[in-house]
Amino acid sequence: MSEPRLKTSLWVQACVRRANVENIGCMVLRKGDPDGGAVLVKLLQAGTGCTVLAETRAPDGGRAWVRGTGAAPVDEAAADAYIERNRRIDPDLWVVEIDDRAGRLPFDARIL
């Protein structure tokens, strides 16, 4: 059985608010469809590189993430190119940037 789906705009607002509480740098780079747009998360880790997490659904229907740019961090230009390719395919896409040296995420992340 799948979990109820929260509107994307509410999920993003909660992510930003939790980031502020946890002192994690977070900003919305692009707003997509407020009800059901997919989300990309650009995670910046100073000195390490970037990872782009792409939203997907787990077999049980819950929110999950895949490393869109691969297992190893990439430079920011490669991350931005990945985001731009996806943005051209999906005009409803949301992009959230998180800047945290430790790689913390302001949401519960199940990474597949």
N, C-alpha and C. Protein backbone atom coordinates (compact mmCIF):
# COMPACT_ATOMS: atom_id res chain seq x y z
N MET A 1 0.84 -1.17 0.00
CA MET A 1 0.00 0.00 0.00
C MET A 1 0.89 1.24 0.00
N SER A 2 0.55 2.22 -0.82
CA SER A 2 1.38 3.41 -0.91
C SER A 2 0.93 4.46 0.10
N GLU A 3 1.88 5.31 0.46
CA GLU A 3 1.57 6.41 1.39
C GLU A 3 0.81 7.50 0.65
N PRO A 4 -0.01 8.27 1.37
CA PRO A 4 -0.70 9.38 0.71
C PRO A 4 0.34 10.37 0.16
N ARG A 5 0.05 10.92 -0.99
CA ARG A 5 1.00 11.84 -1.61
C ARG A 5 0.71 13.27 -1.23
N LEU A 6 1.72 13.90 -0.68
CA LEU A 6 1.65 15.30 -0.30
C LEU A 6 1.91 16.15 -1.53
N LYS A 7 1.22 17.28 -1.65
CA LYS A 7 1.49 18.18 -2.77
C LYS A 7 2.95 18.58 -2.74
N THR A 8 3.54 18.66 -3.91
CA THR A 8 4.96 18.97 -4.01
C THR A 8 5.30 20.31 -3.37
N SER A 9 4.46 21.31 -3.58
CA SER A 9 4.75 22.63 -3.00
C SER A 9 4.82 22.57 -1.48
N LEU A 10 3.94 21.80 -0.86
CA LEU A 10 3.97 21.66 0.60
C LEU A 10 5.21 20.91 1.06
N TRP A 11 5.58 19.86 0.32
CA TRP A 11 6.77 19.09 0.67
C TRP A 11 8.01 19.99 0.61
N VAL A 12 8.12 20.79 -0.46
CA VAL A 12 9.28 21.68 -0.61
C VAL A 12 9.29 22.73 0.50
N GLN A 13 8.14 23.30 0.83
CA GLN A 13 8.09 24.28 1.93
C GLN A 13 8.55 23.65 3.24
N ALA A 14 8.12 22.43 3.50
CA ALA A 14 8.53 21.74 4.73
C ALA A 14 10.04 21.47 4.73
N CYS A 15 10.57 21.13 3.57
CA CYS A 15 12.01 20.88 3.44
C CYS A 15 12.80 22.16 3.75
N VAL A 16 12.37 23.28 3.18
CA VAL A 16 13.06 24.56 3.42
C VAL A 16 12.96 24.95 4.89
N ARG A 17 11.80 24.79 5.47
CA ARG A 17 11.61 25.14 6.88
C ARG A 17 12.49 24.28 7.79
N ARG A 18 12.52 22.97 7.51
CA ARG A 18 13.35 22.08 8.33
C ARG A 18 14.83 22.42 8.16
N ALA A 19 15.24 22.78 6.95
CA ALA A 19 16.62 23.18 6.71
C ALA A 19 16.97 24.41 7.54
N ASN A 20 16.05 25.38 7.60
CA ASN A 20 16.30 26.58 8.39
C ASN A 20 16.45 26.24 9.87
N VAL A 21 15.61 25.36 10.37
CA VAL A 21 15.67 24.95 11.77
C VAL A 21 17.00 24.24 12.08
N GLU A 22 17.46 23.42 11.13
CA GLU A 22 18.68 22.64 11.34
C GLU A 22 19.94 23.38 10.87
N ASN A 23 19.79 24.65 10.49
CA ASN A 23 20.91 25.48 10.04
C ASN A 23 21.63 24.87 8.83
N ILE A 24 20.82 24.43 7.87
CA ILE A 24 21.33 23.88 6.61
C ILE A 24 20.95 24.87 5.52
N GLY A 25 21.91 25.25 4.69
CA GLY A 25 21.62 26.15 3.59
C GLY A 25 20.70 25.48 2.58
N CYS A 26 19.59 26.12 2.26
CA CYS A 26 18.61 25.52 1.35
C CYS A 26 17.88 26.62 0.60
N MET A 27 17.72 26.44 -0.70
CA MET A 27 16.94 27.40 -1.47
C MET A 27 16.28 26.69 -2.65
N VAL A 28 15.15 27.21 -3.04
CA VAL A 28 14.42 26.68 -4.19
C VAL A 28 14.95 27.40 -5.43
N LEU A 29 15.57 26.65 -6.33
CA LEU A 29 16.12 27.24 -7.54
C LEU A 29 15.07 27.35 -8.64
N ARG A 30 14.10 26.42 -8.61
CA ARG A 30 13.08 26.41 -9.64
C ARG A 30 11.80 25.82 -9.08
N LYS A 31 10.71 26.53 -9.30
CA LYS A 31 9.40 26.03 -8.87
C LYS A 31 8.73 25.35 -10.06
N GLY A 32 8.16 24.19 -9.79
CA GLY A 32 7.45 23.46 -10.82
C GLY A 32 5.97 23.40 -10.50
N ASP A 33 5.32 22.35 -10.94
CA ASP A 33 3.89 22.18 -10.68
C ASP A 33 3.66 22.06 -9.19
N PRO A 34 2.79 22.90 -8.61
CA PRO A 34 2.61 22.90 -7.16
C PRO A 34 1.97 21.63 -6.61
N ASP A 35 1.25 20.91 -7.45
CA ASP A 35 0.56 19.72 -6.96
C ASP A 35 1.36 18.43 -7.13
N GLY A 36 1.97 18.23 -8.30
CA GLY A 36 2.60 16.94 -8.54
C GLY A 36 3.91 16.97 -9.27
N GLY A 37 4.60 18.11 -9.29
CA GLY A 37 5.88 18.16 -9.97
C GLY A 37 6.93 17.30 -9.28
N ALA A 38 7.80 16.70 -10.06
CA ALA A 38 8.92 15.92 -9.50
C ALA A 38 9.96 16.88 -8.93
N VAL A 39 10.86 16.35 -8.10
CA VAL A 39 11.85 17.17 -7.41
C VAL A 39 13.26 16.64 -7.71
N LEU A 40 14.17 17.55 -8.00
CA LEU A 40 15.60 17.26 -8.02
C LEU A 40 16.23 18.02 -6.87
N VAL A 41 17.13 17.38 -6.15
CA VAL A 41 17.84 18.03 -5.05
C VAL A 41 19.31 18.07 -5.41
N LYS A 42 19.84 19.29 -5.49
CA LYS A 42 21.27 19.49 -5.77
C LYS A 42 21.95 19.68 -4.41
N LEU A 43 22.74 18.70 -4.02
CA LEU A 43 23.45 18.73 -2.74
C LEU A 43 24.89 19.16 -2.98
N LEU A 44 25.23 20.34 -2.44
CA LEU A 44 26.59 20.88 -2.54
C LEU A 44 27.33 20.57 -1.25
N GLN A 45 28.50 19.97 -1.39
CA GLN A 45 29.36 19.71 -0.24
C GLN A 45 30.71 20.32 -0.54
N ALA A 46 31.03 21.40 0.15
CA ALA A 46 32.28 22.11 -0.08
C ALA A 46 33.47 21.15 0.00
N GLY A 47 34.31 21.21 -1.00
CA GLY A 47 35.51 20.38 -1.03
C GLY A 47 35.27 18.97 -1.54
N THR A 48 34.03 18.55 -1.64
CA THR A 48 33.72 17.19 -2.07
C THR A 48 33.10 17.17 -3.46
N GLY A 49 32.21 18.11 -3.74
CA GLY A 49 31.52 18.17 -5.02
C GLY A 49 30.02 18.19 -4.84
N CYS A 50 29.31 17.85 -5.90
CA CYS A 50 27.85 17.89 -5.91
C CYS A 50 27.27 16.51 -6.22
N THR A 51 26.11 16.29 -5.67
CA THR A 51 25.32 15.11 -6.00
C THR A 51 23.91 15.61 -6.30
N VAL A 52 23.33 15.11 -7.36
CA VAL A 52 21.94 15.44 -7.66
C VAL A 52 21.10 14.21 -7.35
N LEU A 53 20.14 14.39 -6.46
CA LEU A 53 19.21 13.33 -6.11
C LEU A 53 17.92 13.55 -6.89
N ALA A 54 17.48 12.52 -7.57
CA ALA A 54 16.25 12.59 -8.36
C ALA A 54 15.16 11.82 -7.64
N GLU A 55 14.01 12.46 -7.52
CA GLU A 55 12.89 11.82 -6.85
C GLU A 55 12.35 10.66 -7.69
N THR A 56 12.00 9.61 -7.01
CA THR A 56 11.37 8.45 -7.65
C THR A 56 10.41 7.85 -6.65
N ARG A 57 9.82 6.76 -6.98
CA ARG A 57 8.94 6.04 -6.06
C ARG A 57 9.53 4.65 -5.81
N ALA A 58 9.50 4.27 -4.54
CA ALA A 58 9.94 2.94 -4.15
C ALA A 58 8.85 1.93 -4.54
N PRO A 59 9.18 0.65 -4.54
CA PRO A 59 8.16 -0.36 -4.88
C PRO A 59 6.88 -0.26 -4.03
N ASP A 60 7.02 0.22 -2.80
CA ASP A 60 5.83 0.34 -1.95
C ASP A 60 5.06 1.64 -2.19
N GLY A 61 5.52 2.47 -3.15
CA GLY A 61 4.85 3.71 -3.49
C GLY A 61 5.35 4.93 -2.74
N GLY A 62 6.23 4.72 -1.76
CA GLY A 62 6.76 5.83 -0.99
C GLY A 62 7.81 6.62 -1.76
N ARG A 63 8.06 7.84 -1.28
CA ARG A 63 9.07 8.71 -1.90
C ARG A 63 10.45 8.12 -1.66
N ALA A 64 11.25 8.10 -2.70
CA ALA A 64 12.62 7.61 -2.61
C ALA A 64 13.47 8.46 -3.56
N TRP A 65 14.76 8.25 -3.51
CA TRP A 65 15.70 9.06 -4.29
C TRP A 65 16.73 8.16 -4.95
N VAL A 66 17.19 8.58 -6.12
CA VAL A 66 18.31 7.94 -6.80
C VAL A 66 19.37 9.01 -7.05
N ARG A 67 20.61 8.58 -7.07
CA ARG A 67 21.70 9.52 -7.36
C ARG A 67 21.78 9.71 -8.87
N GLY A 68 21.19 10.78 -9.34
CA GLY A 68 21.11 11.02 -10.78
C GLY A 68 22.46 11.23 -11.43
N THR A 69 23.39 11.76 -10.69
CA THR A 69 24.72 12.04 -11.25
C THR A 69 25.72 10.94 -10.94
N GLY A 70 25.26 9.82 -10.42
CA GLY A 70 26.13 8.68 -10.14
C GLY A 70 26.53 8.59 -8.68
N ALA A 71 27.23 7.54 -8.36
CA ALA A 71 27.60 7.25 -6.97
C ALA A 71 28.59 8.26 -6.40
N ALA A 72 29.50 8.73 -7.23
CA ALA A 72 30.53 9.67 -6.77
C ALA A 72 30.09 11.11 -7.03
N PRO A 73 30.48 12.04 -6.15
CA PRO A 73 30.16 13.45 -6.40
C PRO A 73 30.80 13.93 -7.70
N VAL A 74 30.15 14.91 -8.31
CA VAL A 74 30.64 15.51 -9.56
C VAL A 74 30.87 17.00 -9.32
N ASP A 75 31.50 17.67 -10.30
CA ASP A 75 31.67 19.12 -10.14
C ASP A 75 30.32 19.81 -10.39
N GLU A 76 30.24 21.07 -10.00
CA GLU A 76 28.97 21.79 -10.07
C GLU A 76 28.47 21.95 -11.50
N ALA A 77 29.39 22.11 -12.45
CA ALA A 77 28.98 22.26 -13.85
C ALA A 77 28.28 21.00 -14.35
N ALA A 78 28.78 19.84 -13.98
CA ALA A 78 28.15 18.57 -14.39
C ALA A 78 26.78 18.43 -13.73
N ALA A 79 26.67 18.82 -12.48
CA ALA A 79 25.38 18.77 -11.78
C ALA A 79 24.38 19.70 -12.45
N ASP A 80 24.81 20.92 -12.78
CA ASP A 80 23.92 21.87 -13.43
C ASP A 80 23.49 21.38 -14.81
N ALA A 81 24.40 20.73 -15.54
CA ALA A 81 24.05 20.19 -16.86
C ALA A 81 23.00 19.09 -16.73
N TYR A 82 23.13 18.23 -15.71
CA TYR A 82 22.14 17.18 -15.47
C TYR A 82 20.77 17.80 -15.17
N ILE A 83 20.76 18.82 -14.33
CA ILE A 83 19.51 19.49 -13.98
C ILE A 83 18.88 20.13 -15.22
N GLU A 84 19.67 20.79 -16.03
CA GLU A 84 19.16 21.45 -17.23
C GLU A 84 18.56 20.45 -18.22
N ARG A 85 19.21 19.30 -18.40
CA ARG A 85 18.65 18.26 -19.29
C ARG A 85 17.28 17.81 -18.79
N ASN A 86 17.17 17.60 -17.50
CA ASN A 86 15.90 17.16 -16.92
C ASN A 86 14.84 18.26 -16.98
N ARG A 87 15.25 19.49 -16.80
CA ARG A 87 14.32 20.61 -16.85
C ARG A 87 13.71 20.75 -18.24
N ARG A 88 14.51 20.50 -19.29
CA ARG A 88 13.99 20.58 -20.65
C ARG A 88 12.96 19.48 -20.93
N ILE A 89 13.14 18.32 -20.31
CA ILE A 89 12.22 17.20 -20.50
C ILE A 89 10.94 17.39 -19.68
N ASP A 90 11.09 17.93 -18.47
CA ASP A 90 9.96 18.04 -17.54
C ASP A 90 9.78 19.49 -17.09
N PRO A 91 8.85 20.22 -17.71
CA PRO A 91 8.65 21.62 -17.33
C PRO A 91 8.02 21.80 -15.94
N ASP A 92 7.51 20.72 -15.35
CA ASP A 92 6.90 20.79 -14.02
C ASP A 92 7.88 20.52 -12.89
N LEU A 93 9.16 20.40 -13.22
CA LEU A 93 10.20 20.01 -12.29
C LEU A 93 10.53 21.09 -11.26
N TRP A 94 10.70 20.68 -10.01
CA TRP A 94 11.20 21.55 -8.94
C TRP A 94 12.68 21.25 -8.77
N VAL A 95 13.47 22.28 -8.45
CA VAL A 95 14.89 22.10 -8.14
C VAL A 95 15.18 22.78 -6.81
N VAL A 96 15.69 22.00 -5.86
CA VAL A 96 16.04 22.49 -4.53
C VAL A 96 17.55 22.31 -4.36
N GLU A 97 18.22 23.38 -3.94
CA GLU A 97 19.66 23.31 -3.70
C GLU A 97 19.91 23.31 -2.20
N ILE A 98 20.73 22.36 -1.77
CA ILE A 98 21.11 22.25 -0.36
C ILE A 98 22.62 22.38 -0.29
N ASP A 99 23.08 23.28 0.56
CA ASP A 99 24.51 23.53 0.72
C ASP A 99 24.90 23.17 2.15
N ASP A 100 25.52 22.00 2.29
CA ASP A 100 25.91 21.55 3.61
C ASP A 100 27.19 20.72 3.50
N ARG A 101 28.22 21.19 4.15
CA ARG A 101 29.53 20.53 4.08
C ARG A 101 29.44 19.06 4.50
N ALA A 102 28.60 18.76 5.50
CA ALA A 102 28.47 17.39 6.02
C ALA A 102 27.53 16.54 5.17
N GLY A 103 26.84 17.13 4.20
CA GLY A 103 25.95 16.37 3.34
C GLY A 103 24.61 16.02 3.97
N ARG A 104 24.23 16.79 5.00
CA ARG A 104 22.93 16.54 5.65
C ARG A 104 21.80 16.95 4.73
N LEU A 105 20.71 16.23 4.81
CA LEU A 105 19.51 16.54 4.04
C LEU A 105 18.39 16.89 5.00
N PRO A 106 17.61 17.94 4.71
CA PRO A 106 16.54 18.34 5.61
C PRO A 106 15.23 17.59 5.36
N PHE A 107 15.34 16.34 5.03
CA PHE A 107 14.18 15.49 4.84
C PHE A 107 14.63 14.04 5.02
N ASP A 108 13.69 13.17 5.28
CA ASP A 108 14.00 11.76 5.42
C ASP A 108 14.25 11.19 4.03
N ALA A 109 15.45 10.69 3.81
CA ALA A 109 15.83 10.26 2.48
C ALA A 109 16.04 8.75 2.41
N ARG A 110 15.24 8.12 1.60
CA ARG A 110 15.46 6.71 1.29
C ARG A 110 16.11 6.69 -0.08
N ILE A 111 17.41 6.42 -0.12
CA ILE A 111 18.16 6.45 -1.37
C ILE A 111 18.30 5.02 -1.88
N LEU A 112 17.82 4.81 -3.09
CA LEU A 112 17.85 3.47 -3.70
C LEU A 112 19.15 3.23 -4.41
